[in-house]
Every structure is written in structure tokens, then in C-alpha cells.
Amino acid sequence: MADDGSKQSANVWPLPKFYFKVEWDKNEMSFQEVSGLDVQSEEIKYRHGNSPVFSVIKMPGMKKYGNITMKKGVFKGDNKFWDWLNQIKLNTIKRVPVTISLLDEEGKATMVWTLNNAWPTKISSTDLKSEGNEVAIESIEIVHEGLTIANK
């Protein structure tokens, strides 16, 4: 008799990355792609003059967060990206929390990335081709002041 997988542990397979949702200032938005969910600690190199070891030591420095890029289809009358970007006036911008959730097969969040004080830094409109056969895609690049990750 074939194994139907019903007795299999839920921890056997990694989660697929195609089922996710983005909440942007309490509004859910649909995106085709989200990238840039990274953080790194800059290194500080140091060597004191009387060190018996003839090399530097490395210490962790300040954290550095990458910009997040999100891509979605272009829809008639949907100018949310442009409306947000046009709010920038002399160093003043509406900063919003952005939550990106990886979902399981039941639609429940399993891993959640939360961006603090996010705002747009770049918008790219679709390219146009007279012989193209693709969906029009636009992208937004947002900066933020911190990234937290929670596993549910």
C-alpha cells in the first residue's frame, strides 16, 4: 500500500515561497514579488599596537537594512505608489508599518517580517513593448528603519 503522507511530520518539507501577503498601513495589497528582506551587521576592524597577533580582530558594528523591492501588476486607476511618493515634501513623508507574511496551506502566517517606518524611495513603471505579450509590472522600492522577524 502506498504512503499517502498523512502520518508525515509537518517539519519534513520547507515552506514554499509563493503564498504570501503584504499589509501596508493596515491595507492588504497583492504583489507578485517581494525581495530585499535582509539585514547585516557591519564589521569593525581593530588592532591595538602591542597585540602579539599580527592581524586585526573583527567586531560587530551597526546593523544595516537593505531596501525592499515589491513588484505588482498595473491596474487601471491604481495609483497608490505614486500617491504615497507624492506625499514627500521637504523631508516630510508618511512613514507606515509594512508586514510581509509567509502563509501555510491554510492561509495562516508562519513567518512574519515587519518593517518599521517604511517609505518609498523609488518607483519604476513598466517597460512598454509593441510586440510584448507580458503583463505590465510596476515596482516600488521602500526604505525602513528596522526589520523584525517572527515565527508563528
Protein backbone atom coordinates (compact mmCIF):
# COMPACT_ATOMS: atom_id res chain seq x y z
CA MET A 1 0.00 0.00 0.00
CA ALA A 2 1.34 3.43 -0.92
CA ASP A 3 2.18 6.01 1.74
CA ASP A 4 -0.27 8.92 1.42
CA GLY A 5 1.82 11.21 3.66
CA SER A 6 -0.90 11.66 6.30
CA LYS A 7 1.41 10.42 9.08
CA GLN A 8 4.26 12.62 7.96
CA SER A 9 5.61 15.34 10.23
CA ALA A 10 4.91 18.94 9.24
CA ASN A 11 8.64 19.68 9.63
CA VAL A 12 9.74 17.40 6.78
CA TRP A 13 9.36 19.91 3.96
CA PRO A 14 10.43 23.56 3.82
CA LEU A 15 7.70 26.11 3.19
CA PRO A 16 7.04 27.22 -0.38
CA LYS A 17 7.60 30.91 -1.02
CA PHE A 18 4.74 31.64 -3.43
CA TYR A 19 1.92 32.08 -0.87
CA PHE A 20 2.34 35.38 0.98
CA LYS A 21 0.52 38.59 1.81
CA VAL A 22 1.62 42.18 2.35
CA GLU A 23 -0.13 44.53 4.76
CA TRP A 24 0.73 48.14 4.18
CA ASP A 25 -0.56 50.64 6.72
CA LYS A 26 -3.42 48.26 7.64
CA ASN A 27 -4.37 47.70 3.97
CA GLU A 28 -3.69 44.37 2.30
CA MET A 29 -2.02 44.67 -1.10
CA SER A 30 -1.26 41.99 -3.68
CA PHE A 31 2.26 41.71 -5.01
CA GLN A 32 3.89 39.36 -7.48
CA GLU A 33 7.31 39.54 -5.85
CA VAL A 34 8.97 40.85 -2.69
CA SER A 35 12.76 40.95 -2.37
CA GLY A 36 15.40 42.54 -0.15
CA LEU A 37 14.42 41.11 3.23
CA ASP A 38 17.94 41.22 4.59
CA VAL A 39 19.93 42.66 7.45
CA GLN A 40 23.65 42.65 8.05
CA SER A 41 25.96 43.72 10.80
CA GLU A 42 28.83 45.85 9.58
CA GLU A 43 32.24 44.77 10.75
CA ILE A 44 34.63 46.90 12.73
CA LYS A 45 38.30 46.05 12.24
CA TYR A 46 40.67 46.84 15.09
CA ARG A 47 44.23 46.03 16.10
CA HIS A 48 46.00 47.52 19.08
CA GLY A 49 49.70 48.32 18.72
CA ASN A 50 51.08 45.81 21.23
CA SER A 51 48.98 42.84 20.05
CA PRO A 52 51.08 39.68 19.82
CA VAL A 53 48.91 38.58 16.91
CA PHE A 54 49.84 40.32 13.68
CA SER A 55 46.32 40.66 12.36
CA VAL A 56 43.18 42.62 13.10
CA ILE A 57 40.25 41.46 15.17
CA LYS A 58 36.73 41.91 13.86
CA MET A 59 33.83 43.07 15.98
CA PRO A 60 30.16 43.51 15.12
CA GLY A 61 29.17 47.07 14.31
CA MET A 62 25.95 48.81 13.37
CA LYS A 63 23.16 46.92 11.67
CA LYS A 64 22.36 47.77 8.07
CA TYR A 65 18.99 47.00 6.48
CA GLY A 66 18.52 46.53 2.75
CA ASN A 67 15.84 48.30 0.74
CA ILE A 68 12.74 46.23 -0.01
CA THR A 69 11.55 45.92 -3.61
CA MET A 70 7.96 44.91 -4.33
CA LYS A 71 6.51 44.22 -7.78
CA LYS A 72 2.88 44.09 -8.81
CA GLY A 73 0.69 44.24 -11.87
CA VAL A 74 -0.50 47.59 -13.20
CA PHE A 75 -4.26 48.11 -12.79
CA LYS A 76 -6.40 50.88 -14.26
CA GLY A 77 -6.94 53.68 -11.73
CA ASP A 78 -4.49 52.22 -9.15
CA ASN A 79 -2.03 55.00 -8.22
CA LYS A 80 -1.24 54.01 -4.61
CA PHE A 81 2.54 54.01 -5.20
CA TRP A 82 2.52 57.45 -6.84
CA ASP A 83 0.16 58.91 -4.25
CA TRP A 84 2.50 57.77 -1.46
CA LEU A 85 5.61 59.06 -3.23
CA ASN A 86 3.97 62.41 -3.96
CA GLN A 87 3.50 62.97 -0.20
CA ILE A 88 7.25 63.63 0.14
CA LYS A 89 7.67 67.33 0.81
CA LEU A 90 10.86 68.84 2.28
CA ASN A 91 11.93 65.83 4.33
CA THR A 92 8.38 65.05 5.37
CA ILE A 93 6.79 61.73 4.43
CA LYS A 94 4.14 59.46 5.82
CA ARG A 95 6.03 56.52 7.30
CA VAL A 96 3.98 53.36 7.63
CA PRO A 97 4.48 49.87 9.05
CA VAL A 98 4.67 47.14 6.41
CA THR A 99 4.07 43.50 7.32
CA ILE A 100 5.01 40.65 4.99
CA SER A 101 3.67 37.22 5.97
CA LEU A 102 4.61 33.84 4.54
CA LEU A 103 1.47 31.72 4.67
CA ASP A 104 0.88 27.99 5.12
CA GLU A 105 -1.58 25.94 3.08
CA GLU A 106 -4.46 27.10 5.30
CA GLY A 107 -3.61 30.80 4.82
CA LYS A 108 -2.17 31.26 8.32
CA ALA A 109 1.01 33.26 8.84
CA THR A 110 4.02 31.08 9.61
CA MET A 111 6.78 33.67 9.30
CA VAL A 112 6.26 37.44 9.55
CA TRP A 113 8.64 40.24 8.58
CA THR A 114 7.71 43.67 9.96
CA LEU A 115 9.28 46.82 8.55
CA ASN A 116 9.26 49.87 10.80
CA ASN A 117 8.72 53.40 9.48
CA ALA A 118 8.75 52.43 5.80
CA TRP A 119 8.57 55.00 3.00
CA PRO A 120 9.10 54.95 -0.79
CA THR A 121 12.43 55.89 -2.30
CA LYS A 122 11.91 54.73 -5.90
CA ILE A 123 9.09 53.73 -8.22
CA SER A 124 9.69 52.03 -11.56
CA SER A 125 6.92 51.92 -14.12
CA THR A 126 6.53 49.11 -16.57
CA ASP A 127 8.51 48.91 -19.77
CA LEU A 128 6.48 49.13 -22.96
CA LYS A 129 6.95 46.85 -25.99
CA SER A 130 4.82 46.88 -29.09
CA GLU A 131 5.49 43.17 -29.62
CA GLY A 132 5.36 42.17 -25.96
CA ASN A 133 2.97 39.60 -24.56
CA GLU A 134 3.50 40.12 -20.82
CA VAL A 135 1.54 41.73 -18.02
CA ALA A 136 2.51 45.32 -17.18
CA ILE A 137 4.51 45.25 -13.93
CA GLU A 138 5.48 48.20 -11.74
CA SER A 139 7.79 48.15 -8.76
CA ILE A 140 8.35 50.19 -5.64
CA GLU A 141 11.49 50.33 -3.56
CA ILE A 142 10.98 51.23 0.07
CA VAL A 143 13.40 52.06 2.84
CA HIS A 144 12.75 51.38 6.50
CA GLU A 145 14.26 51.82 9.94
CA GLY A 146 14.25 48.27 11.17
CA LEU A 147 13.22 44.72 10.38
CA THR A 148 11.85 42.21 12.86
CA ILE A 149 11.15 38.56 12.10
CA ALA A 150 8.65 36.43 13.99
CA ASN A 151 7.88 32.74 13.57
CA LYS A 152 4.31 31.78 14.38
